[in-house]
């Protein structure tokens, strides 16, 4: 049975962070945050749907079995709809959390003044004239 993948959201988050590094402003807008999260969720859902289609299906079906020592239990099966919905949600939340925390950190960091070190060793020494 396929498990929910995180490779697509990590790739999308990396692309967005890389584009932010190359951009002049270096800040992420709320629109870009939501669009990147939605794209990651949809791509992750599409990826899991394709994986579900090409992966071998289990041979057992949902049913009730009676075991003398433990009693009755059921074997759950996962439907493809549930798997795709979980993949969409996990992809959305993963990218939203990564970029949201980065945005929050940048906002907090921007509020703090960066102190420049001052001292005699940082001053430029006058250049000597060459003869």
C-alpha atoms as a PDB file:
ATOM      1  CA  UNK A   1       0.000   0.000   0.000  1.00  0.00           C
ATOM      2  CA  UNK A   2       1.451   3.397  -0.937  1.00  0.00           C
ATOM      3  CA  UNK A   3       2.286   5.851   1.813  1.00  0.00           C
ATOM      4  CA  UNK A   4       1.911   9.605   1.674  1.00  0.00           C
ATOM      5  CA  UNK A   5       4.896  11.192  -0.030  1.00  0.00           C
ATOM      6  CA  UNK A   6       6.700  14.354   1.041  1.00  0.00           C
ATOM      7  CA  UNK A   7       9.141  14.659  -1.854  1.00  0.00           C
ATOM      8  CA  UNK A   8       6.902  16.881  -4.017  1.00  0.00           C
ATOM      9  CA  UNK A   9       6.202  19.448  -1.249  1.00  0.00           C
ATOM     10  CA  UNK A  10       9.904  19.601  -0.378  1.00  0.00           C
ATOM     11  CA  UNK A  11      10.769  20.250  -4.029  1.00  0.00           C
ATOM     12  CA  UNK A  12       8.128  22.997  -4.294  1.00  0.00           C
ATOM     13  CA  UNK A  13       9.311  24.603  -1.050  1.00  0.00           C
ATOM     14  CA  UNK A  14      12.890  24.493  -2.338  1.00  0.00           C
ATOM     15  CA  UNK A  15      11.902  26.140  -5.612  1.00  0.00           C
ATOM     16  CA  UNK A  16      10.056  28.924  -3.798  1.00  0.00           C
ATOM     17  CA  UNK A  17      12.914  29.525  -1.376  1.00  0.00           C
ATOM     18  CA  UNK A  18      15.372  29.533  -4.278  1.00  0.00           C
ATOM     19  CA  UNK A  19      13.288  32.082  -6.173  1.00  0.00           C
ATOM     20  CA  UNK A  20      13.137  34.229  -3.034  1.00  0.00           C
ATOM     21  CA  UNK A  21      16.898  34.152  -2.698  1.00  0.00           C
ATOM     22  CA  UNK A  22      17.321  35.308  -6.303  1.00  0.00           C
ATOM     23  CA  UNK A  23      14.652  38.022  -6.049  1.00  0.00           C
ATOM     24  CA  UNK A  24      15.523  41.581  -5.105  1.00  0.00           C
ATOM     25  CA  UNK A  25      12.945  41.956  -2.316  1.00  0.00           C
ATOM     26  CA  UNK A  26      13.613  38.722  -0.436  1.00  0.00           C
ATOM     27  CA  UNK A  27      10.136  38.677   1.112  1.00  0.00           C
ATOM     28  CA  UNK A  28       7.256  36.354   0.442  1.00  0.00           C
ATOM     29  CA  UNK A  29       3.762  37.685  -0.073  1.00  0.00           C
ATOM     30  CA  UNK A  30       0.674  36.008   1.318  1.00  0.00           C
ATOM     31  CA  UNK A  31      -0.492  35.306  -2.232  1.00  0.00           C
ATOM     32  CA  UNK A  32       2.749  33.517  -3.112  1.00  0.00           C
ATOM     33  CA  UNK A  33       2.584  31.572   0.158  1.00  0.00           C
ATOM     34  CA  UNK A  34      -0.921  30.286  -0.547  1.00  0.00           C
ATOM     35  CA  UNK A  35      -0.265  29.596  -4.243  1.00  0.00           C
ATOM     36  CA  UNK A  36       2.892  27.624  -3.492  1.00  0.00           C
ATOM     37  CA  UNK A  37       1.058  25.642  -0.813  1.00  0.00           C
ATOM     38  CA  UNK A  38      -1.851  24.892  -3.135  1.00  0.00           C
ATOM     39  CA  UNK A  39       0.490  23.872  -5.954  1.00  0.00           C
ATOM     40  CA  UNK A  40       2.397  21.549  -3.629  1.00  0.00           C
ATOM     41  CA  UNK A  41      -0.832  20.007  -2.370  1.00  0.00           C
ATOM     42  CA  UNK A  42      -2.268  19.451  -5.837  1.00  0.00           C
ATOM     43  CA  UNK A  43       0.973  18.047  -7.260  1.00  0.00           C
ATOM     44  CA  UNK A  44       1.328  15.760  -4.252  1.00  0.00           C
ATOM     45  CA  UNK A  45      -2.262  14.541  -4.682  1.00  0.00           C
ATOM     46  CA  UNK A  46      -1.708  13.903  -8.387  1.00  0.00           C
ATOM     47  CA  UNK A  47       1.533  12.075  -7.650  1.00  0.00           C
ATOM     48  CA  UNK A  48      -0.136   9.819  -5.067  1.00  0.00           C
ATOM     49  CA  UNK A  49      -3.015   9.066  -7.435  1.00  0.00           C
ATOM     50  CA  UNK A  50      -0.545   7.897 -10.099  1.00  0.00           C
ATOM     51  CA  UNK A  51       1.390   5.866  -7.520  1.00  0.00           C
ATOM     52  CA  UNK A  52      -1.849   4.264  -6.353  1.00  0.00           C
ATOM     53  CA  UNK A  53      -2.780   3.350  -9.929  1.00  0.00           C
ATOM     54  CA  UNK A  54       0.537   1.678 -10.725  1.00  0.00           C
ATOM     55  CA  UNK A  55       1.134   0.004  -7.364  1.00  0.00           C
ATOM     56  CA  UNK A  56      -0.078  -3.545  -6.845  1.00  0.00           C
ATOM     57  CA  UNK A  57      -3.345  -3.749  -4.971  1.00  0.00           C
ATOM     58  CA  UNK A  58      -3.629  -5.938  -1.878  1.00  0.00           C
ATOM     59  CA  UNK A  59      -5.201  -9.333  -2.459  1.00  0.00           C
ATOM     60  CA  UNK A  60      -7.335  -9.275   0.683  1.00  0.00           C
ATOM     61  CA  UNK A  61     -10.576  -7.382   1.017  1.00  0.00           C
ATOM     62  CA  UNK A  62     -12.207  -5.705   3.941  1.00  0.00           C
ATOM     63  CA  UNK A  63     -13.822  -8.285   6.064  1.00  0.00           C
ATOM     64  CA  UNK A  64     -14.346  -9.698   9.486  1.00  0.00           C
ATOM     65  CA  UNK A  65     -12.233 -12.560  10.674  1.00  0.00           C
ATOM     66  CA  UNK A  66     -12.698 -14.638  13.764  1.00  0.00           C
ATOM     67  CA  UNK A  67      -9.619 -15.764  15.614  1.00  0.00           C
ATOM     68  CA  UNK A  68     -10.186 -18.092  18.563  1.00  0.00           C
ATOM     69  CA  UNK A  69      -7.669 -16.458  20.878  1.00  0.00           C
ATOM     70  CA  UNK A  70      -8.315 -12.744  20.186  1.00  0.00           C
ATOM     71  CA  UNK A  71     -11.888 -12.537  18.990  1.00  0.00           C
ATOM     72  CA  UNK A  72     -13.154 -10.637  15.962  1.00  0.00           C
ATOM     73  CA  UNK A  73     -11.207  -7.979  14.094  1.00  0.00           C
ATOM     74  CA  UNK A  74     -11.481  -6.212  10.754  1.00  0.00           C
ATOM     75  CA  UNK A  75      -8.822  -5.561   8.158  1.00  0.00           C
ATOM     76  CA  UNK A  76      -8.999  -1.942   7.013  1.00  0.00           C
ATOM     77  CA  UNK A  77      -8.305  -1.020   3.416  1.00  0.00           C
ATOM     78  CA  UNK A  78      -7.479   2.471   2.257  1.00  0.00           C
ATOM     79  CA  UNK A  79      -9.472   3.891  -0.624  1.00  0.00           C
ATOM     80  CA  UNK A  80      -7.670   5.915  -3.256  1.00  0.00           C
ATOM     81  CA  UNK A  81      -9.864   8.932  -2.516  1.00  0.00           C
ATOM     82  CA  UNK A  82      -8.749   9.017   1.112  1.00  0.00           C
ATOM     83  CA  UNK A  83      -5.112   8.610   0.080  1.00  0.00           C
ATOM     84  CA  UNK A  84      -5.300  11.476  -2.436  1.00  0.00           C
ATOM     85  CA  UNK A  85      -7.092  13.799   0.016  1.00  0.00           C
ATOM     86  CA  UNK A  86      -4.518  13.060   2.715  1.00  0.00           C
ATOM     87  CA  UNK A  87      -1.725  13.708   0.217  1.00  0.00           C
ATOM     88  CA  UNK A  88      -3.224  17.047  -0.820  1.00  0.00           C
ATOM     89  CA  UNK A  89      -3.587  18.117   2.802  1.00  0.00           C
ATOM     90  CA  UNK A  90      -0.107  16.986   3.783  1.00  0.00           C
ATOM     91  CA  UNK A  91       1.471  18.733   0.783  1.00  0.00           C
ATOM     92  CA  UNK A  92      -0.419  21.953   1.478  1.00  0.00           C
ATOM     93  CA  UNK A  93       0.331  21.971   5.194  1.00  0.00           C
ATOM     94  CA  UNK A  94       3.997  21.063   4.782  1.00  0.00           C
ATOM     95  CA  UNK A  95       4.787  23.924   2.387  1.00  0.00           C
ATOM     96  CA  UNK A  96       2.527  26.329   4.278  1.00  0.00           C
ATOM     97  CA  UNK A  97       4.334  25.528   7.519  1.00  0.00           C
ATOM     98  CA  UNK A  98       7.828  25.817   6.006  1.00  0.00           C
ATOM     99  CA  UNK A  99       7.189  29.118   4.259  1.00  0.00           C
ATOM    100  CA  UNK A 100       4.960  30.485   7.022  1.00  0.00           C
ATOM    101  CA  UNK A 101       7.614  29.893   9.660  1.00  0.00           C
ATOM    102  CA  UNK A 102      10.239  31.447   7.374  1.00  0.00           C
ATOM    103  CA  UNK A 103       8.017  34.487   6.837  1.00  0.00           C
ATOM    104  CA  UNK A 104       7.386  34.834  10.560  1.00  0.00           C
ATOM    105  CA  UNK A 105      11.093  34.470  11.321  1.00  0.00           C
ATOM    106  CA  UNK A 106      11.967  37.131   8.721  1.00  0.00           C
ATOM    107  CA  UNK A 107       9.400  39.503  10.202  1.00  0.00           C
ATOM    108  CA  UNK A 108      10.759  39.018  13.707  1.00  0.00           C
ATOM    109  CA  UNK A 109      14.327  39.322  12.461  1.00  0.00           C
ATOM    110  CA  UNK A 110      13.542  42.529  10.548  1.00  0.00           C
ATOM    111  CA  UNK A 111      12.211  44.145  13.728  1.00  0.00           C
ATOM    112  CA  UNK A 112      15.542  43.721  15.455  1.00  0.00           C
ATOM    113  CA  UNK A 113      18.243  46.227  14.668  1.00  0.00           C
ATOM    114  CA  UNK A 114      21.449  44.661  13.501  1.00  0.00           C
ATOM    115  CA  UNK A 115      24.260  46.055  15.595  1.00  0.00           C
ATOM    116  CA  UNK A 116      27.430  46.812  13.680  1.00  0.00           C
ATOM    117  CA  UNK A 117      30.598  46.073  15.605  1.00  0.00           C
ATOM    118  CA  UNK A 118      32.765  49.128  16.110  1.00  0.00           C
ATOM    119  CA  UNK A 119      36.322  49.209  17.213  1.00  0.00           C
ATOM    120  CA  UNK A 120      39.781  50.394  16.325  1.00  0.00           C
ATOM    121  CA  UNK A 121      40.642  47.210  14.438  1.00  0.00           C
ATOM    122  CA  UNK A 122      37.768  47.722  11.981  1.00  0.00           C
ATOM    123  CA  UNK A 123      38.855  51.161  10.877  1.00  0.00           C
ATOM    124  CA  UNK A 124      40.670  51.399   7.593  1.00  0.00           C
ATOM    125  CA  UNK A 125      44.317  52.210   7.812  1.00  0.00           C
ATOM    126  CA  UNK A 126      45.663  54.902   5.524  1.00  0.00           C
ATOM    127  CA  UNK A 127      47.509  53.559   2.525  1.00  0.00           C
ATOM    128  CA  UNK A 128      51.174  54.351   2.258  1.00  0.00           C
ATOM    129  CA  UNK A 129      52.284  56.186  -0.848  1.00  0.00           C
ATOM    130  CA  UNK A 130      54.390  54.069  -3.122  1.00  0.00           C
ATOM    131  CA  UNK A 131      57.747  55.477  -4.216  1.00  0.00           C
END
